[in-house]
Amino acid sequence: MLITRRKALGLLTSLPFLNASHAETIEHKLKVSSRILDVKGKPAKVFSIINAAGKSGLDMVFGQPFKTTLMNDLTEDTAIHWHGLTPPVEQDGVPALPVAALKPGETRNYEFPNNKAGTHWMHSHLGLQEQRMLAAPLIIRETEKPLFDEQEHVIMLHDFTFRDAAEILAELRANGSHQMAGMTMGSDIAYDAILANDRTLDDPEIVQVEQGGQIRLRIINAAAATNFWIDLGGLNGELFAADGNTVKPVMGSRFPLGVAQRADIRVKLPQAIGAYPILFQSEGDP
């Protein structure tokens, strides 16, 4: 990902916390489907979780009841887990515990109190679907309006391979998860690419930010088997939340992020105009 700078257009003002007891109930709609992703010039069929606006995942406000209709548009069963939230067990997205998986063409309603603000995510809890990128952000904002004068950007990280996930699992079982020829360091699997919001290092996402502005990075490690180092390069950042929970701030330019973890990092940009790469490096990769 590349952060670039532009002239400031204005300021935001802080507003008080939303009163959770008077929060409006909004029904969200999600659809699990497949899509074709271009990775280094080659097509690959992966999964997605799309909202009514055609974007990935959900973005809602703390205090609003979690009310979502989920439709399975795949040709196979699926089950979605709301990672970071604490719904009733029958809505937690683990098949047969105690509810069956969502069948092709089936729609199911989910509704429960939403009491955990933060950077969360949703993903399949069935078979190897998560390894085929069946995941999406689940952002629960603290307030309806931003408390800070800052921009936000959500980043989903994936490790990607063109190989069939079931074939890889069979090899790992046969080899006892020992090293295989051509594997990357830090993992038992040789991945073809590391993706940040579906983009590779040779085609990075470019994010415009205000000159001298501040940006909150909501980073989600949705990889199947890869831990990452978040590298801010020449910038320093403040890690102030981990796995959706506020923590004592830690300053630095390099932070670890394990599989399924989330990190909220606040970065203040220099006054000088420039472009600043934000890199995500596989653990153990030189």
Protein backbone atom coordinates (compact mmCIF):
# COMPACT_ATOMS: atom_id res chain seq x y z
CA MET A 1 0.00 0.00 0.00
CA LEU A 2 1.23 3.51 -0.76
CA ILE A 3 0.11 6.61 1.13
CA THR A 4 0.43 9.84 -0.81
CA ARG A 5 -0.20 13.38 0.33
CA ARG A 6 -2.42 16.16 -0.99
CA LYS A 7 -3.38 19.62 0.22
CA ALA A 8 -5.71 19.72 3.20
CA LEU A 9 -9.34 20.36 2.28
CA GLY A 10 -10.70 21.04 5.74
CA LEU A 11 -11.10 19.83 9.31
CA LEU A 12 -13.47 17.43 11.03
CA THR A 13 -14.95 18.20 14.43
CA SER A 14 -15.29 15.71 17.27
CA LEU A 15 -18.80 14.79 18.36
CA PRO A 16 -19.96 13.06 21.57
CA PHE A 17 -20.44 9.29 21.78
CA LEU A 18 -23.59 7.88 20.29
CA ASN A 19 -26.12 7.01 22.97
CA ALA A 20 -26.35 3.25 22.63
CA SER A 21 -29.79 3.09 24.24
CA HIS A 22 -31.22 5.26 21.45
CA ALA A 23 -29.26 3.75 18.55
CA GLU A 24 -31.25 3.18 15.41
CA THR A 25 -31.71 -0.42 14.28
CA ILE A 26 -30.43 -0.83 10.73
CA GLU A 27 -30.88 -4.09 8.86
CA HIS A 28 -27.84 -4.98 6.79
CA LYS A 29 -27.75 -7.40 3.87
CA LEU A 30 -24.81 -9.64 3.02
CA LYS A 31 -24.27 -12.08 0.18
CA VAL A 32 -21.67 -14.83 0.02
CA SER A 33 -20.59 -15.29 -3.59
CA SER A 34 -17.63 -16.09 -5.82
CA ARG A 35 -15.57 -13.71 -7.95
CA ILE A 36 -12.62 -13.70 -10.30
CA LEU A 37 -9.49 -12.07 -8.90
CA ASP A 38 -6.53 -11.03 -11.05
CA VAL A 39 -3.23 -11.97 -9.39
CA LYS A 40 -0.11 -11.01 -11.32
CA GLY A 41 -1.98 -11.20 -14.62
CA LYS A 42 -3.59 -14.59 -13.93
CA PRO A 43 -7.28 -15.13 -13.09
CA ALA A 44 -8.27 -16.96 -9.92
CA LYS A 45 -11.70 -17.87 -8.57
CA VAL A 46 -12.10 -16.83 -4.93
CA PHE A 47 -14.96 -16.11 -2.55
CA SER A 48 -16.33 -12.84 -1.16
CA ILE A 49 -18.86 -11.43 1.32
CA ILE A 50 -20.54 -8.40 -0.23
CA ASN A 51 -22.95 -5.90 1.32
CA ALA A 52 -25.90 -4.15 -0.34
CA ALA A 53 -23.62 -1.36 -1.60
CA GLY A 54 -21.43 -3.88 -3.40
CA LYS A 55 -18.54 -3.48 -0.96
CA SER A 56 -16.79 -6.03 1.19
CA GLY A 57 -18.12 -6.70 4.70
CA LEU A 58 -19.95 -4.50 7.19
CA ASP A 59 -19.39 -1.05 8.65
CA MET A 60 -21.68 -0.17 11.55
CA VAL A 61 -21.83 1.85 14.79
CA PHE A 62 -21.52 0.67 18.38
CA GLY A 63 -24.91 0.39 20.05
CA GLN A 64 -26.79 -0.44 16.87
CA PRO A 65 -28.16 -3.99 17.24
CA PHE A 66 -26.38 -6.41 14.94
CA LYS A 67 -29.15 -7.18 12.45
CA THR A 68 -28.06 -8.86 9.23
CA THR A 69 -29.60 -10.99 6.50
CA LEU A 70 -27.06 -13.41 5.03
CA MET A 71 -27.69 -15.04 1.64
CA ASN A 72 -25.62 -17.96 0.31
CA ASP A 73 -25.11 -17.44 -3.43
CA LEU A 74 -22.56 -20.26 -3.70
CA THR A 75 -23.13 -23.75 -5.09
CA GLU A 76 -21.98 -25.24 -1.77
CA ASP A 77 -22.81 -24.92 1.92
CA THR A 78 -21.19 -22.19 3.99
CA ALA A 79 -21.18 -20.77 7.53
CA ILE A 80 -20.02 -17.30 8.56
CA HIS A 81 -18.39 -16.58 11.93
CA TRP A 82 -18.51 -13.03 13.33
CA HIS A 83 -14.93 -12.92 14.61
CA GLY A 84 -14.54 -10.57 17.58
CA LEU A 85 -18.23 -10.41 18.50
CA THR A 86 -20.08 -12.53 21.06
CA PRO A 87 -23.41 -13.59 19.55
CA PRO A 88 -25.62 -16.38 20.91
CA VAL A 89 -24.08 -19.75 20.10
CA GLU A 90 -26.74 -20.57 17.50
CA GLN A 91 -25.71 -17.44 15.53
CA ASP A 92 -21.95 -17.84 15.90
CA GLY A 93 -21.45 -19.43 12.47
CA VAL A 94 -19.98 -22.76 13.54
CA PRO A 95 -21.92 -25.46 11.64
CA ALA A 96 -23.78 -28.09 13.70
CA LEU A 97 -23.06 -26.17 16.94
CA PRO A 98 -26.02 -26.28 17.08
CA VAL A 99 -27.31 -24.89 13.73
CA ALA A 100 -26.66 -26.49 10.34
CA ALA A 101 -24.62 -24.74 7.66
CA LEU A 102 -26.26 -22.36 5.21
CA LYS A 103 -27.25 -24.28 2.08
CA PRO A 104 -26.93 -22.92 -1.49
CA GLY A 105 -29.63 -20.31 -2.12
CA GLU A 106 -30.62 -20.18 1.55
CA THR A 107 -31.05 -16.92 3.47
CA ARG A 108 -30.70 -16.61 7.24
CA ASN A 109 -31.32 -13.75 9.66
CA TYR A 110 -28.93 -12.79 12.45
CA GLU A 111 -29.86 -10.41 15.25
CA PHE A 112 -28.18 -9.87 18.62
CA PRO A 113 -26.93 -6.99 20.83
CA ASN A 114 -23.81 -5.30 19.49
CA ASN A 115 -21.59 -4.37 22.42
CA LYS A 116 -18.03 -4.66 21.10
CA ALA A 117 -16.70 -1.72 19.11
CA GLY A 118 -13.47 -2.17 17.19
CA THR A 119 -11.81 -3.70 14.15
CA HIS A 120 -13.22 -7.20 13.68
CA TRP A 121 -13.78 -9.48 10.70
CA MET A 122 -16.06 -12.21 9.38
CA HIS A 123 -15.02 -15.46 7.73
CA SER A 124 -16.18 -18.92 6.81
CA HIS A 125 -16.07 -21.64 9.43
CA LEU A 126 -16.65 -24.46 6.96
CA GLY A 127 -14.05 -26.65 5.28
CA LEU A 128 -11.28 -24.76 3.47
CA GLN A 129 -13.39 -21.79 2.35
CA GLU A 130 -11.44 -19.30 4.45
CA GLN A 131 -8.30 -20.39 2.59
CA ARG A 132 -10.10 -19.31 -0.59
CA MET A 133 -10.58 -15.80 0.78
CA LEU A 134 -14.11 -16.18 2.14
CA ALA A 135 -13.61 -13.31 4.59
CA ALA A 136 -14.43 -9.61 4.95
CA PRO A 137 -14.00 -6.69 7.37
CA LEU A 138 -16.46 -6.21 10.24
CA ILE A 139 -15.94 -2.66 11.51
CA ILE A 140 -17.86 -1.48 14.57
CA ARG A 141 -17.22 2.24 14.96
CA GLU A 142 -17.18 3.83 18.41
CA THR A 143 -19.32 6.78 17.31
CA GLU A 144 -21.49 7.80 14.39
CA LYS A 145 -19.16 10.73 13.66
CA PRO A 146 -15.35 10.52 14.02
CA LEU A 147 -13.94 11.55 17.39
CA PHE A 148 -10.62 12.53 15.84
CA ASP A 149 -9.57 14.63 12.88
CA GLU A 150 -8.31 11.68 10.89
CA GLN A 151 -8.92 9.55 7.83
CA GLU A 152 -9.53 5.81 8.09
CA HIS A 153 -8.46 2.97 5.85
CA VAL A 154 -9.17 -0.77 6.24
CA ILE A 155 -6.59 -3.27 4.98
CA MET A 156 -7.29 -7.01 4.61
CA LEU A 157 -4.19 -9.20 4.27
CA HIS A 158 -4.26 -12.60 2.56
CA ASP A 159 -1.73 -15.22 1.55
CA PHE A 160 -2.69 -16.50 -1.90
CA THR A 161 -1.95 -19.60 -3.92
CA PHE A 162 -3.32 -20.81 -7.25
CA ARG A 163 -3.15 -24.37 -5.96
CA ASP A 164 -6.18 -26.24 -4.65
CA ALA A 165 -6.47 -25.93 -0.86
CA ALA A 166 -7.54 -29.56 -0.41
CA GLU A 167 -4.48 -30.74 -2.34
CA ILE A 168 -2.18 -28.66 -0.12
CA LEU A 169 -3.83 -30.00 3.03
CA ALA A 170 -3.34 -33.56 1.82
CA GLU A 171 0.37 -32.88 1.22
CA LEU A 172 0.79 -31.34 4.66
CA ARG A 173 -0.81 -34.36 6.29
CA ALA A 174 1.31 -36.76 4.25
CA ASN A 175 4.52 -34.88 5.09
CA GLY A 176 3.67 -34.25 8.71
CA SER A 177 3.81 -30.51 8.01
CA HIS A 178 7.58 -30.74 7.38
CA GLN A 179 9.25 -28.52 4.85
CA MET A 180 8.26 -28.93 1.22
CA ALA A 181 10.42 -27.93 -1.69
CA GLY A 182 9.98 -24.29 -2.67
CA MET A 183 8.17 -23.21 0.49
CA THR A 184 8.53 -19.67 1.80
CA MET A 185 10.24 -19.15 5.14
CA GLY A 186 7.91 -19.01 8.14
CA SER A 187 5.22 -21.18 6.52
CA ASP A 188 4.71 -24.78 5.42
CA ILE A 189 3.13 -23.58 2.17
CA ALA A 190 4.69 -21.87 -0.84
CA TYR A 191 2.33 -18.98 -1.62
CA ASP A 192 2.19 -17.32 -5.02
CA ALA A 193 1.44 -13.86 -3.62
CA ILE A 194 0.73 -11.80 -0.54
CA LEU A 195 -2.32 -9.58 -1.03
CA ALA A 196 -3.25 -6.30 0.66
CA ASN A 197 -6.84 -5.47 -0.31
CA ASP A 198 -6.48 -7.87 -3.27
CA ARG A 199 -3.36 -6.03 -4.54
CA THR A 200 0.20 -7.32 -4.88
CA LEU A 201 3.48 -5.52 -4.26
CA ASP A 202 3.96 -4.83 -7.98
CA ASP A 203 0.50 -3.17 -8.17
CA PRO A 204 -0.05 -1.53 -4.78
CA GLU A 205 -3.14 0.26 -3.60
CA ILE A 206 -2.62 4.04 -3.49
CA VAL A 207 -4.36 6.01 -0.75
CA GLN A 208 -4.61 9.81 -0.89
CA VAL A 209 -4.41 11.56 2.49
CA GLU A 210 -4.61 15.18 3.59
CA GLN A 211 -1.39 17.16 3.71
CA GLY A 212 0.00 16.94 7.23
CA GLY A 213 -2.99 14.74 8.06
CA GLN A 214 -3.50 11.75 10.28
CA ILE A 215 -4.70 8.32 9.19
CA ARG A 216 -6.05 5.38 11.18
CA LEU A 217 -5.06 2.07 9.63
CA ARG A 218 -7.37 -0.82 10.52
CA ILE A 219 -5.27 -3.86 9.53
CA ILE A 220 -6.75 -7.38 9.51
CA ASN A 221 -4.65 -10.53 9.04
CA ALA A 222 -7.03 -12.81 7.14
CA ALA A 223 -4.20 -15.06 5.91
CA ALA A 224 -4.57 -18.82 6.11
CA ALA A 225 -1.09 -19.57 7.50
CA THR A 226 1.09 -16.44 7.45
CA ASN A 227 2.13 -14.12 10.26
CA PHE A 228 3.16 -10.64 9.14
CA TRP A 229 5.34 -7.72 10.06
CA ILE A 230 3.69 -4.36 9.47
CA ASP A 231 6.45 -2.03 8.26
CA LEU A 232 5.71 1.70 8.15
CA GLY A 233 9.05 2.44 6.50
CA GLY A 234 10.12 6.00 7.24
CA LEU A 235 6.99 6.77 9.26
CA ASN A 236 6.21 6.20 12.93
CA GLY A 237 2.83 5.03 14.15
CA GLU A 238 0.91 4.55 17.37
CA LEU A 239 -0.56 1.07 17.89
CA PHE A 240 -3.56 1.81 20.12
CA ALA A 241 -5.85 -1.20 19.63
CA ALA A 242 -5.27 -4.93 19.13
CA ASP A 243 -7.93 -7.49 18.21
CA GLY A 244 -10.59 -4.82 18.60
CA ASN A 245 -9.53 -3.88 22.14
CA THR A 246 -7.94 -0.59 23.19
CA VAL A 247 -4.41 -1.06 24.56
CA LYS A 248 -1.75 1.16 26.09
CA PRO A 249 -0.32 2.93 23.02
CA VAL A 250 2.94 1.59 21.58
CA MET A 251 4.99 3.79 19.27
CA GLY A 252 7.11 2.36 16.47
CA SER A 253 7.52 1.72 12.77
CA ARG A 254 7.33 -2.09 12.81
CA PHE A 255 4.65 -4.25 14.44
CA PRO A 256 3.94 -8.03 14.40
CA LEU A 257 0.51 -9.34 13.35
CA GLY A 258 -0.38 -13.01 13.80
CA VAL A 259 -2.97 -14.97 11.86
CA ALA A 260 -6.52 -13.65 12.60
CA GLN A 261 -5.17 -10.68 14.57
CA ARG A 262 -6.13 -7.05 14.00
CA ALA A 263 -4.14 -3.89 14.64
CA ASP A 264 -5.30 -0.26 14.73
CA ILE A 265 -2.36 2.06 14.05
CA ARG A 266 -2.57 5.84 13.95
CA VAL A 267 -0.02 7.51 11.64
CA LYS A 268 0.77 11.21 11.45
CA LEU A 269 2.09 12.26 8.04
CA PRO A 270 4.97 14.74 7.65
CA GLN A 271 4.23 18.25 6.43
CA ALA A 272 6.35 17.81 3.29
CA ILE A 273 4.64 16.38 0.23
CA GLY A 274 5.69 12.81 -0.39
CA ALA A 275 4.77 9.16 -0.94
CA TYR A 276 5.19 6.63 1.85
CA PRO A 277 5.11 2.85 1.35
CA ILE A 278 3.38 0.72 3.98
CA LEU A 279 4.69 -2.83 3.64
CA PHE A 280 3.47 -6.19 4.93
CA GLN A 281 6.25 -8.75 5.18
CA SER A 282 5.78 -12.47 5.79
CA GLU A 283 7.35 -13.56 9.07
CA GLY A 284 10.74 -15.11 8.38
CA ASP A 285 10.89 -13.84 4.80
CA PRO A 286 14.17 -11.98 4.14
